[in-house]
Amino acid sequence: MRKTNQLIMAISIIMLSSCATEFNIISDDVPVSVSSAFKTKYPSVTATEWEVEKSDGRLTYEAAFKLDGKRKEAAFKPDGTFINEH
């Protein structure tokens, strides 16, 4: 039983370390390049939430907002390059 628990724990750690990591951040912590790119792309909306995600060693900033009554998210690279909207 003890070996089974240790095996499950080891597999869990390996799986978690390979997954993307996301953190909510405040708008003051968003790089100017990203917030400027967001304002340029979406001049009539305000981001209600920001997240930073680290996946495969790369950072992505995601802004959550409402557009035409629908919740949307837009992703940007740290230099402000738009990635996608979903």
PDB file of N, CA and C in Angstrom:
ATOM      1  N   MET A   1       0.813  -1.182   0.000  1.00  0.00           N
ATOM      2  CA  MET A   1       0.000   0.000   0.000  1.00  0.00           C
ATOM      3  C   MET A   1       0.865   1.259   0.000  1.00  0.00           C
ATOM      4  N   ARG A   2       1.906   1.247   0.805  1.00  0.00           N
ATOM      5  CA  ARG A   2       2.787   2.405   0.899  1.00  0.00           C
ATOM      6  C   ARG A   2       3.481   2.664  -0.439  1.00  0.00           C
ATOM      7  N   LYS A   3       3.924   1.601  -1.119  1.00  0.00           N
ATOM      8  CA  LYS A   3       4.591   1.755  -2.418  1.00  0.00           C
ATOM      9  C   LYS A   3       3.623   2.300  -3.462  1.00  0.00           C
ATOM     10  N   THR A   4       2.361   1.895  -3.388  1.00  0.00           N
ATOM     11  CA  THR A   4       1.356   2.392  -4.324  1.00  0.00           C
ATOM     12  C   THR A   4       1.157   3.897  -4.130  1.00  0.00           C
ATOM     13  N   ASN A   5       1.076   4.342  -2.893  1.00  0.00           N
ATOM     14  CA  ASN A   5       0.931   5.770  -2.609  1.00  0.00           C
ATOM     15  C   ASN A   5       2.136   6.562  -3.105  1.00  0.00           C
ATOM     16  N   GLN A   6       3.320   6.020  -2.905  1.00  0.00           N
ATOM     17  CA  GLN A   6       4.529   6.694  -3.368  1.00  0.00           C
ATOM     18  C   GLN A   6       4.556   6.776  -4.892  1.00  0.00           C
ATOM     19  N   LEU A   7       4.127   5.725  -5.546  1.00  0.00           N
ATOM     20  CA  LEU A   7       4.082   5.713  -7.008  1.00  0.00           C
ATOM     21  C   LEU A   7       3.085   6.742  -7.521  1.00  0.00           C
ATOM     22  N   ILE A   8       1.913   6.795  -6.919  1.00  0.00           N
ATOM     23  CA  ILE A   8       0.899   7.780  -7.319  1.00  0.00           C
ATOM     24  C   ILE A   8       1.426   9.195  -7.110  1.00  0.00           C
ATOM     25  N   MET A   9       2.091   9.459  -6.010  1.00  0.00           N
ATOM     26  CA  MET A   9       2.658  10.769  -5.720  1.00  0.00           C
ATOM     27  C   MET A   9       3.729  11.133  -6.745  1.00  0.00           C
ATOM     28  N   ALA A  10       4.598  10.207  -7.090  1.00  0.00           N
ATOM     29  CA  ALA A  10       5.657  10.466  -8.068  1.00  0.00           C
ATOM     30  C   ALA A  10       5.061  10.786  -9.441  1.00  0.00           C
ATOM     31  N   ILE A  11       4.058  10.030  -9.844  1.00  0.00           N
ATOM     32  CA  ILE A  11       3.414  10.279 -11.140  1.00  0.00           C
ATOM     33  C   ILE A  11       2.722  11.636 -11.133  1.00  0.00           C
ATOM     34  N   SER A  12       2.076  11.991 -10.046  1.00  0.00           N
ATOM     35  CA  SER A  12       1.400  13.286  -9.935  1.00  0.00           C
ATOM     36  C   SER A  12       2.388  14.432 -10.060  1.00  0.00           C
ATOM     37  N   ILE A  13       3.517  14.327  -9.400  1.00  0.00           N
ATOM     38  CA  ILE A  13       4.541  15.377  -9.456  1.00  0.00           C
ATOM     39  C   ILE A  13       5.064  15.529 -10.878  1.00  0.00           C
ATOM     40  N   ILE A  14       5.322  14.429 -11.547  1.00  0.00           N
ATOM     41  CA  ILE A  14       5.816  14.483 -12.928  1.00  0.00           C
ATOM     42  C   ILE A  14       4.784  15.139 -13.829  1.00  0.00           C
ATOM     43  N   MET A  15       3.524  14.768 -13.673  1.00  0.00           N
ATOM     44  CA  MET A  15       2.474  15.330 -14.517  1.00  0.00           C
ATOM     45  C   MET A  15       2.302  16.823 -14.264  1.00  0.00           C
ATOM     46  N   LEU A  16       2.320  17.250 -13.020  1.00  0.00           N
ATOM     47  CA  LEU A  16       2.152  18.652 -12.689  1.00  0.00           C
ATOM     48  C   LEU A  16       3.313  19.502 -13.177  1.00  0.00           C
ATOM     49  N   SER A  17       4.509  18.964 -13.136  1.00  0.00           N
ATOM     50  CA  SER A  17       5.666  19.741 -13.563  1.00  0.00           C
ATOM     51  C   SER A  17       5.688  19.953 -15.065  1.00  0.00           C
ATOM     52  N   SER A  18       4.991  19.124 -15.817  1.00  0.00           N
ATOM     53  CA  SER A  18       4.979  19.288 -17.267  1.00  0.00           C
ATOM     54  C   SER A  18       3.798  20.130 -17.746  1.00  0.00           C
ATOM     55  N   CYS A  19       2.892  20.471 -16.857  1.00  0.00           N
ATOM     56  CA  CYS A  19       1.709  21.247 -17.219  1.00  0.00           C
ATOM     57  C   CYS A  19       2.024  22.736 -17.236  1.00  0.00           C
ATOM     58  N   ALA A  20       1.154  23.462 -17.903  1.00  0.00           N
ATOM     59  CA  ALA A  20       1.266  24.918 -17.909  1.00  0.00           C
ATOM     60  C   ALA A  20       0.917  25.450 -16.523  1.00  0.00           C
ATOM     61  N   THR A  21       1.482  26.581 -16.188  1.00  0.00           N
ATOM     62  CA  THR A  21       1.222  27.222 -14.914  1.00  0.00           C
ATOM     63  C   THR A  21       0.584  28.571 -15.179  1.00  0.00           C
ATOM     64  N   GLU A  22      -0.561  28.842 -14.557  1.00  0.00           N
ATOM     65  CA  GLU A  22      -1.267  30.099 -14.718  1.00  0.00           C
ATOM     66  C   GLU A  22      -1.393  30.803 -13.383  1.00  0.00           C
ATOM     67  N   PHE A  23      -1.269  32.147 -13.426  1.00  0.00           N
ATOM     68  CA  PHE A  23      -1.440  32.958 -12.233  1.00  0.00           C
ATOM     69  C   PHE A  23      -2.253  34.184 -12.585  1.00  0.00           C
ATOM     70  N   ASN A  24      -3.197  34.550 -11.721  1.00  0.00           N
ATOM     71  CA  ASN A  24      -3.881  35.827 -11.869  1.00  0.00           C
ATOM     72  C   ASN A  24      -2.918  36.913 -11.433  1.00  0.00           C
ATOM     73  N   ILE A  25      -2.945  38.027 -12.152  1.00  0.00           N
ATOM     74  CA  ILE A  25      -2.107  39.169 -11.790  1.00  0.00           C
ATOM     75  C   ILE A  25      -2.955  40.432 -11.844  1.00  0.00           C
ATOM     76  N   ILE A  26      -2.495  41.474 -11.181  1.00  0.00           N
ATOM     77  CA  ILE A  26      -3.197  42.750 -11.235  1.00  0.00           C
ATOM     78  C   ILE A  26      -2.722  43.519 -12.470  1.00  0.00           C
ATOM     79  N   SER A  27      -3.543  44.440 -12.923  1.00  0.00           N
ATOM     80  CA  SER A  27      -3.230  45.159 -14.164  1.00  0.00           C
ATOM     81  C   SER A  27      -1.915  45.932 -14.075  1.00  0.00           C
ATOM     82  N   ASP A  28      -1.524  46.359 -12.864  1.00  0.00           N
ATOM     83  CA  ASP A  28      -0.253  47.070 -12.704  1.00  0.00           C
ATOM     84  C   ASP A  28       0.954  46.188 -13.014  1.00  0.00           C
ATOM     85  N   ASP A  29       0.782  44.864 -12.956  1.00  0.00           N
ATOM     86  CA  ASP A  29       1.886  43.940 -13.219  1.00  0.00           C
ATOM     87  C   ASP A  29       1.971  43.501 -14.675  1.00  0.00           C
ATOM     88  N   VAL A  30       1.047  43.972 -15.500  1.00  0.00           N
ATOM     89  CA  VAL A  30       1.061  43.647 -16.935  1.00  0.00           C
ATOM     90  C   VAL A  30       2.074  44.560 -17.608  1.00  0.00           C
ATOM     91  N   PRO A  31       2.975  44.010 -18.432  1.00  0.00           N
ATOM     92  CA  PRO A  31       3.941  44.863 -19.128  1.00  0.00           C
ATOM     93  C   PRO A  31       3.242  45.921 -19.986  1.00  0.00           C
ATOM     94  N   VAL A  32       3.851  47.088 -20.075  1.00  0.00           N
ATOM     95  CA  VAL A  32       3.280  48.186 -20.861  1.00  0.00           C
ATOM     96  C   VAL A  32       3.052  47.757 -22.303  1.00  0.00           C
ATOM     97  N   SER A  33       3.959  46.975 -22.852  1.00  0.00           N
ATOM     98  CA  SER A  33       3.805  46.518 -24.241  1.00  0.00           C
ATOM     99  C   SER A  33       2.530  45.705 -24.417  1.00  0.00           C
ATOM    100  N   VAL A  34       2.173  44.903 -23.430  1.00  0.00           N
ATOM    101  CA  VAL A  34       0.975  44.068 -23.495  1.00  0.00           C
ATOM    102  C   VAL A  34      -0.279  44.907 -23.291  1.00  0.00           C
ATOM    103  N   SER A  35      -0.291  45.751 -22.261  1.00  0.00           N
ATOM    104  CA  SER A  35      -1.481  46.569 -22.009  1.00  0.00           C
ATOM    105  C   SER A  35      -1.728  47.551 -23.151  1.00  0.00           C
ATOM    106  N   SER A  36      -0.677  48.077 -23.752  1.00  0.00           N
ATOM    107  CA  SER A  36      -0.838  48.976 -24.906  1.00  0.00           C
ATOM    108  C   SER A  36      -1.403  48.231 -26.109  1.00  0.00           C
ATOM    109  N   ALA A  37      -0.904  47.030 -26.341  1.00  0.00           N
ATOM    110  CA  ALA A  37      -1.407  46.219 -27.456  1.00  0.00           C
ATOM    111  C   ALA A  37      -2.879  45.879 -27.249  1.00  0.00           C
ATOM    112  N   PHE A  38      -3.259  45.580 -25.999  1.00  0.00           N
ATOM    113  CA  PHE A  38      -4.660  45.283 -25.697  1.00  0.00           C
ATOM    114  C   PHE A  38      -5.526  46.508 -25.977  1.00  0.00           C
ATOM    115  N   LYS A  39      -5.105  47.678 -25.512  1.00  0.00           N
ATOM    116  CA  LYS A  39      -5.884  48.908 -25.711  1.00  0.00           C
ATOM    117  C   LYS A  39      -5.995  49.272 -27.183  1.00  0.00           C
ATOM    118  N   THR A  40      -4.960  48.983 -27.952  1.00  0.00           N
ATOM    119  CA  THR A  40      -4.993  49.262 -29.393  1.00  0.00           C
ATOM    120  C   THR A  40      -5.965  48.317 -30.093  1.00  0.00           C
ATOM    121  N   LYS A  41      -5.932  47.053 -29.739  1.00  0.00           N
ATOM    122  CA  LYS A  41      -6.790  46.058 -30.390  1.00  0.00           C
ATOM    123  C   LYS A  41      -8.244  46.187 -29.942  1.00  0.00           C
ATOM    124  N   TYR A  42      -8.453  46.529 -28.690  1.00  0.00           N
ATOM    125  CA  TYR A  42      -9.804  46.614 -28.124  1.00  0.00           C
ATOM    126  C   TYR A  42      -9.995  47.980 -27.445  1.00  0.00           C
ATOM    127  N   PRO A  43     -10.096  49.049 -28.219  1.00  0.00           N
ATOM    128  CA  PRO A  43     -10.142  50.388 -27.615  1.00  0.00           C
ATOM    129  C   PRO A  43     -11.404  50.680 -26.799  1.00  0.00           C
ATOM    130  N   SER A  44     -12.475  49.935 -27.032  1.00  0.00           N
ATOM    131  CA  SER A  44     -13.736  50.246 -26.355  1.00  0.00           C
ATOM    132  C   SER A  44     -14.008  49.370 -25.127  1.00  0.00           C
ATOM    133  N   VAL A  45     -13.086  48.501 -24.759  1.00  0.00           N
ATOM    134  CA  VAL A  45     -13.316  47.618 -23.609  1.00  0.00           C
ATOM    135  C   VAL A  45     -12.189  47.732 -22.586  1.00  0.00           C
ATOM    136  N   THR A  46     -12.488  47.260 -21.389  1.00  0.00           N
ATOM    137  CA  THR A  46     -11.505  47.225 -20.310  1.00  0.00           C
ATOM    138  C   THR A  46     -11.334  45.780 -19.868  1.00  0.00           C
ATOM    139  N   ALA A  47     -10.106  45.372 -19.682  1.00  0.00           N
ATOM    140  CA  ALA A  47      -9.842  44.019 -19.186  1.00  0.00           C
ATOM    141  C   ALA A  47     -10.339  43.921 -17.753  1.00  0.00           C
ATOM    142  N   THR A  48     -11.108  42.872 -17.462  1.00  0.00           N
ATOM    143  CA  THR A  48     -11.624  42.664 -16.112  1.00  0.00           C
ATOM    144  C   THR A  48     -10.713  41.776 -15.281  1.00  0.00           C
ATOM    145  N   GLU A  49      -9.843  41.032 -15.966  1.00  0.00           N
ATOM    146  CA  GLU A  49      -8.943  40.102 -15.277  1.00  0.00           C
ATOM    147  C   GLU A  49      -7.739  39.851 -16.174  1.00  0.00           C
ATOM    148  N   TRP A  50      -6.568  39.714 -15.552  1.00  0.00           N
ATOM    149  CA  TRP A  50      -5.349  39.374 -16.277  1.00  0.00           C
ATOM    150  C   TRP A  50      -4.761  38.103 -15.694  1.00  0.00           C
ATOM    151  N   GLU A  51      -4.213  37.263 -16.584  1.00  0.00           N
ATOM    152  CA  GLU A  51      -3.483  36.067 -16.171  1.00  0.00           C
ATOM    153  C   GLU A  51      -2.174  36.023 -16.921  1.00  0.00           C
ATOM    154  N   VAL A  52      -1.176  35.447 -16.290  1.00  0.00           N
ATOM    155  CA  VAL A  52       0.070  35.153 -16.978  1.00  0.00           C
ATOM    156  C   VAL A  52       0.230  33.637 -16.930  1.00  0.00           C
ATOM    157  N   GLU A  53       0.584  33.070 -18.063  1.00  0.00           N
ATOM    158  CA  GLU A  53       0.737  31.623 -18.167  1.00  0.00           C
ATOM    159  C   GLU A  53       2.140  31.312 -18.650  1.00  0.00           C
ATOM    160  N   LYS A  54       2.752  30.330 -18.001  1.00  0.00           N
ATOM    161  CA  LYS A  54       4.065  29.852 -18.426  1.00  0.00           C
ATOM    162  C   LYS A  54       3.892  28.437 -18.931  1.00  0.00           C
ATOM    163  N   SER A  55       4.212  28.232 -20.199  1.00  0.00           N
ATOM    164  CA  SER A  55       4.085  26.920 -20.810  1.00  0.00           C
ATOM    165  C   SER A  55       5.272  26.710 -21.737  1.00  0.00           C
ATOM    166  N   ASP A  56       5.948  25.607 -21.583  1.00  0.00           N
ATOM    167  CA  ASP A  56       7.135  25.300 -22.389  1.00  0.00           C
ATOM    168  C   ASP A  56       8.178  26.416 -22.313  1.00  0.00           C
ATOM    169  N   GLY A  57       8.300  27.033 -21.143  1.00  0.00           N
ATOM    170  CA  GLY A  57       9.290  28.079 -20.947  1.00  0.00           C
ATOM    171  C   GLY A  57       8.912  29.428 -21.526  1.00  0.00           C
ATOM    172  N   ARG A  58       7.697  29.558 -22.073  1.00  0.00           N
ATOM    173  CA  ARG A  58       7.254  30.818 -22.678  1.00  0.00           C
ATOM    174  C   ARG A  58       6.131  31.434 -21.853  1.00  0.00           C
ATOM    175  N   LEU A  59       6.169  32.761 -21.751  1.00  0.00           N
ATOM    176  CA  LEU A  59       5.115  33.485 -21.044  1.00  0.00           C
ATOM    177  C   LEU A  59       4.058  33.972 -22.024  1.00  0.00           C
ATOM    178  N   THR A  60       2.814  33.920 -21.576  1.00  0.00           N
ATOM    179  CA  THR A  60       1.685  34.454 -22.326  1.00  0.00           C
ATOM    180  C   THR A  60       0.823  35.232 -21.351  1.00  0.00           C
ATOM    181  N   TYR A  61       0.396  36.413 -21.775  1.00  0.00           N
ATOM    182  CA  TYR A  61      -0.505  37.219 -20.962  1.00  0.00           C
ATOM    183  C   TYR A  61      -1.896  37.126 -21.563  1.00  0.00           C
ATOM    184  N   GLU A  62      -2.905  36.858 -20.706  1.00  0.00           N
ATOM    185  CA  GLU A  62      -4.275  36.736 -21.175  1.00  0.00           C
ATOM    186  C   GLU A  62      -5.157  37.752 -20.459  1.00  0.00           C
ATOM    187  N   ALA A  63      -5.921  38.494 -21.250  1.00  0.00           N
ATOM    188  CA  ALA A  63      -6.861  39.464 -20.713  1.00  0.00           C
ATOM    189  C   ALA A  63      -8.271  38.919 -20.876  1.00  0.00           C
ATOM    190  N   ALA A  64      -9.053  38.963 -19.814  1.00  0.00           N
ATOM    191  CA  ALA A  64     -10.467  38.592 -19.879  1.00  0.00           C
ATOM    192  C   ALA A  64     -11.271  39.890 -19.960  1.00  0.00           C
ATOM    193  N   PHE A  65     -12.303  39.883 -20.806  1.00  0.00           N
ATOM    194  CA  PHE A  65     -13.105  41.094 -20.997  1.00  0.00           C
ATOM    195  C   PHE A  65     -14.448  40.709 -21.609  1.00  0.00           C
ATOM    196  N   LYS A  66     -15.370  41.663 -21.655  1.00  0.00           N
ATOM    197  CA  LYS A  66     -16.663  41.438 -22.295  1.00  0.00           C
ATOM    198  C   LYS A  66     -16.710  42.267 -23.571  1.00  0.00           C
ATOM    199  N   LEU A  67     -17.163  41.614 -24.652  1.00  0.00           N
ATOM    200  CA  LEU A  67     -17.303  42.275 -25.943  1.00  0.00           C
ATOM    201  C   LEU A  67     -18.628  41.821 -26.533  1.00  0.00           C
ATOM    202  N   ASP A  68     -19.479  42.778 -26.843  1.00  0.00           N
ATOM    203  CA  ASP A  68     -20.813  42.476 -27.365  1.00  0.00           C
ATOM    204  C   ASP A  68     -21.577  41.532 -26.443  1.00  0.00           C
ATOM    205  N   GLY A  69     -21.413  41.720 -25.140  1.00  0.00           N
ATOM    206  CA  GLY A  69     -22.131  40.923 -24.153  1.00  0.00           C
ATOM    207  C   GLY A  69     -21.585  39.527 -23.924  1.00  0.00           C
ATOM    208  N   LYS A  70     -20.489  39.190 -24.581  1.00  0.00           N
ATOM    209  CA  LYS A  70     -19.898  37.860 -24.430  1.00  0.00           C
ATOM    210  C   LYS A  70     -18.547  37.960 -23.745  1.00  0.00           C
ATOM    211  N   ARG A  71     -18.252  36.968 -22.883  1.00  0.00           N
ATOM    212  CA  ARG A  71     -16.939  36.917 -22.225  1.00  0.00           C
ATOM    213  C   ARG A  71     -15.921  36.409 -23.230  1.00  0.00           C
ATOM    214  N   LYS A  72     -14.829  37.128 -23.336  1.00  0.00           N
ATOM    215  CA  LYS A  72     -13.750  36.778 -24.253  1.00  0.00           C
ATOM    216  C   LYS A  72     -12.429  36.804 -23.506  1.00  0.00           C
ATOM    217  N   GLU A  73     -11.438  36.173 -24.106  1.00  0.00           N
ATOM    218  CA  GLU A  73     -10.063  36.258 -23.625  1.00  0.00           C
ATOM    219  C   GLU A  73      -9.156  36.487 -24.818  1.00  0.00           C
ATOM    220  N   ALA A  74      -8.189  37.346 -24.636  1.00  0.00           N
ATOM    221  CA  ALA A  74      -7.201  37.611 -25.679  1.00  0.00           C
ATOM    222  C   ALA A  74      -5.820  37.338 -25.111  1.00  0.00           C
ATOM    223  N   ALA A  75      -4.993  36.676 -25.893  1.00  0.00           N
ATOM    224  CA  ALA A  75      -3.647  36.300 -25.446  1.00  0.00           C
ATOM    225  C   ALA A  75      -2.602  37.105 -26.201  1.00  0.00           C
ATOM    226  N   PHE A  76      -1.557  37.492 -25.480  1.00  0.00           N
ATOM    227  CA  PHE A  76      -0.470  38.294 -26.039  1.00  0.00           C
ATOM    228  C   PHE A  76       0.874  37.750 -25.569  1.00  0.00           C
ATOM    229  N   LYS A  77       1.874  37.891 -26.416  1.00  0.00           N
ATOM    230  CA  LYS A  77       3.255  37.599 -26.013  1.00  0.00           C
ATOM    231  C   LYS A  77       3.743  38.762 -25.151  1.00  0.00           C
ATOM    232  N   PRO A  78       4.818  38.588 -24.386  1.00  0.00           N
ATOM    233  CA  PRO A  78       5.328  39.669 -23.535  1.00  0.00           C
ATOM    234  C   PRO A  78       5.714  40.940 -24.304  1.00  0.00           C
ATOM    235  N   ASP A  79       6.039  40.809 -25.591  1.00  0.00           N
ATOM    236  CA  ASP A  79       6.384  42.007 -26.370  1.00  0.00           C
ATOM    237  C   ASP A  79       5.152  42.719 -26.934  1.00  0.00           C
ATOM    238  N   GLY A  80       3.943  42.198 -26.631  1.00  0.00           N
ATOM    239  CA  GLY A  80       2.706  42.811 -27.086  1.00  0.00           C
ATOM    240  C   GLY A  80       2.123  42.216 -28.349  1.00  0.00           C
ATOM    241  N   THR A  81       2.787  41.236 -28.913  1.00  0.00           N
ATOM    242  CA  THR A  81       2.278  40.576 -30.128  1.00  0.00           C
ATOM    243  C   THR A  81       1.000  39.807 -29.799  1.00  0.00           C
ATOM    244  N   PHE A  82      -0.059  40.076 -30.557  1.00  0.00           N
ATOM    245  CA  PHE A  82      -1.333  39.395 -30.360  1.00  0.00           C
ATOM    246  C   PHE A  82      -1.194  37.947 -30.794  1.00  0.00           C
ATOM    247  N   ILE A  83      -1.715  37.006 -29.980  1.00  0.00           N
ATOM    248  CA  ILE A  83      -1.666  35.583 -30.306  1.00  0.00           C
ATOM    249  C   ILE A  83      -3.023  35.099 -30.796  1.00  0.00           C
ATOM    250  N   ASN A  84      -4.048  35.254 -29.958  1.00  0.00           N
ATOM    251  CA  ASN A  84      -5.387  34.812 -30.351  1.00  0.00           C
ATOM    252  C   ASN A  84      -6.453  35.368 -29.430  1.00  0.00           C
ATOM    253  N   GLU A  85      -7.695  35.136 -29.826  1.00  0.00           N
ATOM    254  CA  GLU A  85      -8.857  35.510 -29.021  1.00  0.00           C
ATOM    255  C   GLU A  85      -9.739  34.284 -28.922  1.00  0.00           C
ATOM    256  N   HIS A  86     -10.255  34.054 -27.754  1.00  0.00           N
ATOM    257  CA  HIS A  86     -11.197  32.940 -27.576  1.00  0.00           C
ATOM    258  C   HIS A  86     -12.210  33.267 -26.516  1.00  0.00           C
TER     259      HIS A  86
END
